[in-house]
Amino acid sequence: MNRLQWIVVVVSIILILIFGHRYYQKKSKILRDYEFTTGKIIEYYRVGTSSHKLVYLYEVDGEKYSRRIDSWVWFKNCENDLSLCSNKVFWVIYSEEDPTLSLIDLEHQIQNLENVNQPKSIESFK
């Protein structure tokens, strides 16, 4: 391996460590002191041949927040017709200290908003 390749490898490893650490810090901050709210998908699109991204919107004390994430759940036909997903409601947890930090549970759609119970576990929030 020549010098340039080594530099690229080292820089790549450093960037992975930095971004991994930042994600871990944000997730830890949320899990230390979180509250529940609900969120809705406002964007859903394909990236490349098999990856999807989405943006979800949630509200805390009248203030609206959004987050863009890689979707680990595939929503059939939503990239062609967002209305198929935009009415789906999901649980969101957010940091009480910093509501811009949130995680969503895309695996469990909320069916009835009138008599809904908060999840007993937050394992599926990402």
C-alpha atoms as a PDB file:
ATOM      1  CA  MET A   1       0.000   0.000   0.000  1.00  0.00           C
ATOM      2  CA  ASN A   2       1.425   3.362  -0.936  1.00  0.00           C
ATOM      3  CA  ARG A   3       1.458   6.464   1.254  1.00  0.00           C
ATOM      4  CA  LEU A   4      -1.727   7.997  -0.257  1.00  0.00           C
ATOM      5  CA  GLN A   5      -3.702   4.803   0.328  1.00  0.00           C
ATOM      6  CA  TRP A   6      -2.554   4.735   3.961  1.00  0.00           C
ATOM      7  CA  ILE A   7      -3.656   8.330   4.429  1.00  0.00           C
ATOM      8  CA  VAL A   8      -7.082   7.552   2.944  1.00  0.00           C
ATOM      9  CA  VAL A   9      -7.483   4.511   5.228  1.00  0.00           C
ATOM     10  CA  VAL A  10      -6.430   6.418   8.347  1.00  0.00           C
ATOM     11  CA  VAL A  11      -8.673   9.413   7.560  1.00  0.00           C
ATOM     12  CA  SER A  12     -11.605   7.053   6.853  1.00  0.00           C
ATOM     13  CA  ILE A  13     -11.129   5.277  10.185  1.00  0.00           C
ATOM     14  CA  ILE A  14     -10.914   8.581  12.041  1.00  0.00           C
ATOM     15  CA  LEU A  15     -14.109   9.861  10.387  1.00  0.00           C
ATOM     16  CA  ILE A  16     -15.958   6.638  11.208  1.00  0.00           C
ATOM     17  CA  LEU A  17     -14.870   6.916  14.838  1.00  0.00           C
ATOM     18  CA  ILE A  18     -15.868  10.586  15.068  1.00  0.00           C
ATOM     19  CA  PHE A  19     -19.332  10.057  13.537  1.00  0.00           C
ATOM     20  CA  GLY A  20     -19.892   6.886  15.565  1.00  0.00           C
ATOM     21  CA  HIS A  21     -18.987   8.684  18.772  1.00  0.00           C
ATOM     22  CA  ARG A  22     -21.261  11.645  17.953  1.00  0.00           C
ATOM     23  CA  TYR A  23     -24.192   9.282  17.247  1.00  0.00           C
ATOM     24  CA  TYR A  24     -23.547   7.411  20.510  1.00  0.00           C
ATOM     25  CA  GLN A  25     -23.433  10.709  22.469  1.00  0.00           C
ATOM     26  CA  LYS A  26     -26.715  11.914  20.945  1.00  0.00           C
ATOM     27  CA  LYS A  27     -28.444   8.588  21.555  1.00  0.00           C
ATOM     28  CA  SER A  28     -27.156   8.491  25.144  1.00  0.00           C
ATOM     29  CA  LYS A  29     -28.445  12.013  25.749  1.00  0.00           C
ATOM     30  CA  ILE A  30     -31.913  10.985  24.524  1.00  0.00           C
ATOM     31  CA  LEU A  31     -31.993   7.793  26.583  1.00  0.00           C
ATOM     32  CA  ARG A  32     -30.901   9.579  29.793  1.00  0.00           C
ATOM     33  CA  ASP A  33     -34.013  11.745  29.963  1.00  0.00           C
ATOM     34  CA  TYR A  34     -36.665  11.218  27.304  1.00  0.00           C
ATOM     35  CA  GLU A  35     -40.305  11.946  26.692  1.00  0.00           C
ATOM     36  CA  PHE A  36     -42.764  10.437  24.199  1.00  0.00           C
ATOM     37  CA  THR A  37     -44.565  12.121  21.346  1.00  0.00           C
ATOM     38  CA  THR A  38     -45.851  10.980  17.968  1.00  0.00           C
ATOM     39  CA  GLY A  39     -44.389  11.595  14.549  1.00  0.00           C
ATOM     40  CA  LYS A  40     -45.334  11.314  10.884  1.00  0.00           C
ATOM     41  CA  ILE A  41     -43.306  10.642   7.743  1.00  0.00           C
ATOM     42  CA  ILE A  42     -43.060  13.770   5.581  1.00  0.00           C
ATOM     43  CA  GLU A  43     -40.481  12.534   3.024  1.00  0.00           C
ATOM     44  CA  TYR A  44     -39.555   9.056   1.814  1.00  0.00           C
ATOM     45  CA  TYR A  45     -37.175   8.310  -1.037  1.00  0.00           C
ATOM     46  CA  ARG A  46     -34.807   5.738  -2.446  1.00  0.00           C
ATOM     47  CA  VAL A  47     -31.048   6.237  -2.373  1.00  0.00           C
ATOM     48  CA  GLY A  48     -29.236   4.005  -4.845  1.00  0.00           C
ATOM     49  CA  THR A  49     -30.762   0.643  -5.632  1.00  0.00           C
ATOM     50  CA  SER A  50     -31.795  -0.694  -2.236  1.00  0.00           C
ATOM     51  CA  SER A  51     -31.481   1.966   0.455  1.00  0.00           C
ATOM     52  CA  HIS A  52     -34.238   4.329   1.595  1.00  0.00           C
ATOM     53  CA  LYS A  53     -34.214   7.544   3.583  1.00  0.00           C
ATOM     54  CA  LEU A  54     -37.048   9.345   5.274  1.00  0.00           C
ATOM     55  CA  VAL A  55     -37.781  12.531   7.137  1.00  0.00           C
ATOM     56  CA  TYR A  56     -40.188  12.457  10.045  1.00  0.00           C
ATOM     57  CA  LEU A  57     -41.883  15.358  11.778  1.00  0.00           C
ATOM     58  CA  TYR A  58     -42.791  15.560  15.448  1.00  0.00           C
ATOM     59  CA  GLU A  59     -44.001  18.270  17.788  1.00  0.00           C
ATOM     60  CA  VAL A  60     -42.874  19.233  21.297  1.00  0.00           C
ATOM     61  CA  ASP A  61     -44.678  22.004  23.201  1.00  0.00           C
ATOM     62  CA  GLY A  62     -46.069  23.476  19.987  1.00  0.00           C
ATOM     63  CA  GLU A  63     -42.645  23.539  18.289  1.00  0.00           C
ATOM     64  CA  LYS A  64     -42.145  21.337  15.200  1.00  0.00           C
ATOM     65  CA  TYR A  65     -38.965  19.321  14.695  1.00  0.00           C
ATOM     66  CA  SER A  66     -37.818  16.951  11.966  1.00  0.00           C
ATOM     67  CA  ARG A  67     -35.093  14.386  11.490  1.00  0.00           C
ATOM     68  CA  ARG A  68     -33.693  12.715   8.346  1.00  0.00           C
ATOM     69  CA  ILE A  69     -32.685   9.069   8.779  1.00  0.00           C
ATOM     70  CA  ASP A  70     -31.835   5.896   6.889  1.00  0.00           C
ATOM     71  CA  SER A  71     -34.978   3.783   6.925  1.00  0.00           C
ATOM     72  CA  TRP A  72     -34.521   0.220   8.154  1.00  0.00           C
ATOM     73  CA  VAL A  73     -38.203  -0.415   7.341  1.00  0.00           C
ATOM     74  CA  TRP A  74     -39.361  -0.510   3.731  1.00  0.00           C
ATOM     75  CA  PHE A  75     -42.701   1.172   3.050  1.00  0.00           C
ATOM     76  CA  LYS A  76     -44.097  -0.292  -0.146  1.00  0.00           C
ATOM     77  CA  ASN A  77     -44.816   2.263  -2.912  1.00  0.00           C
ATOM     78  CA  CYS A  78     -44.222   5.281  -0.650  1.00  0.00           C
ATOM     79  CA  GLU A  79     -41.402   6.651  -2.775  1.00  0.00           C
ATOM     80  CA  ASN A  80     -43.900   6.897  -5.654  1.00  0.00           C
ATOM     81  CA  ASP A  81     -46.843   8.131  -3.594  1.00  0.00           C
ATOM     82  CA  LEU A  82     -46.031   9.724  -0.226  1.00  0.00           C
ATOM     83  CA  SER A  83     -49.720   9.817   0.715  1.00  0.00           C
ATOM     84  CA  LEU A  84     -49.437   6.042   1.344  1.00  0.00           C
ATOM     85  CA  CYS A  85     -47.081   6.835   4.250  1.00  0.00           C
ATOM     86  CA  SER A  86     -47.891  10.351   5.354  1.00  0.00           C
ATOM     87  CA  ASN A  87     -50.918   9.254   7.384  1.00  0.00           C
ATOM     88  CA  LYS A  88     -48.949   6.666   9.355  1.00  0.00           C
ATOM     89  CA  VAL A  89     -48.217   7.685  12.953  1.00  0.00           C
ATOM     90  CA  PHE A  90     -45.288   6.361  14.979  1.00  0.00           C
ATOM     91  CA  TRP A  91     -43.886   6.791  18.473  1.00  0.00           C
ATOM     92  CA  VAL A  92     -40.967   9.200  18.831  1.00  0.00           C
ATOM     93  CA  ILE A  93     -38.808   9.710  21.899  1.00  0.00           C
ATOM     94  CA  TYR A  94     -36.903  12.948  22.287  1.00  0.00           C
ATOM     95  CA  SER A  95     -34.445  14.441  24.743  1.00  0.00           C
ATOM     96  CA  GLU A  96     -36.193  16.625  27.307  1.00  0.00           C
ATOM     97  CA  GLU A  97     -33.015  18.687  27.500  1.00  0.00           C
ATOM     98  CA  ASP A  98     -32.694  19.093  23.715  1.00  0.00           C
ATOM     99  CA  PRO A  99     -35.893  18.243  21.755  1.00  0.00           C
ATOM    100  CA  THR A 100     -33.989  18.393  18.448  1.00  0.00           C
ATOM    101  CA  LEU A 101     -32.565  14.975  19.393  1.00  0.00           C
ATOM    102  CA  SER A 102     -34.990  12.131  18.742  1.00  0.00           C
ATOM    103  CA  LEU A 103     -35.428   8.465  17.867  1.00  0.00           C
ATOM    104  CA  ILE A 104     -38.406   6.872  16.111  1.00  0.00           C
ATOM    105  CA  ASP A 105     -39.984   3.422  16.267  1.00  0.00           C
ATOM    106  CA  LEU A 106     -40.858   2.597  12.645  1.00  0.00           C
ATOM    107  CA  GLU A 107     -41.640  -1.026  13.452  1.00  0.00           C
ATOM    108  CA  HIS A 108     -44.876  -0.278  15.329  1.00  0.00           C
ATOM    109  CA  GLN A 109     -47.405   1.983  13.685  1.00  0.00           C
ATOM    110  CA  ILE A 110     -49.946   3.622  16.019  1.00  0.00           C
ATOM    111  CA  GLN A 111     -53.392   2.573  14.810  1.00  0.00           C
ATOM    112  CA  ASN A 112     -55.770   4.442  17.117  1.00  0.00           C
ATOM    113  CA  LEU A 113     -54.730   7.823  18.547  1.00  0.00           C
ATOM    114  CA  GLU A 114     -57.639   8.031  20.994  1.00  0.00           C
ATOM    115  CA  ASN A 115     -56.775   5.198  23.389  1.00  0.00           C
ATOM    116  CA  VAL A 116     -53.078   4.757  22.785  1.00  0.00           C
ATOM    117  CA  ASN A 117     -50.615   3.505  25.393  1.00  0.00           C
ATOM    118  CA  GLN A 118     -46.955   4.392  25.362  1.00  0.00           C
ATOM    119  CA  PRO A 119     -44.633   1.502  24.533  1.00  0.00           C
ATOM    120  CA  LYS A 120     -43.289  -0.493  27.458  1.00  0.00           C
ATOM    121  CA  SER A 121     -39.895  -0.870  25.761  1.00  0.00           C
ATOM    122  CA  ILE A 122     -37.791   1.501  23.684  1.00  0.00           C
ATOM    123  CA  GLU A 123     -35.606  -1.195  22.106  1.00  0.00           C
ATOM    124  CA  SER A 124     -36.982  -0.656  18.597  1.00  0.00           C
ATOM    125  CA  PHE A 125     -36.349   3.128  18.574  1.00  0.00           C
ATOM    126  CA  LYS A 126     -33.583   4.170  16.200  1.00  0.00           C
END
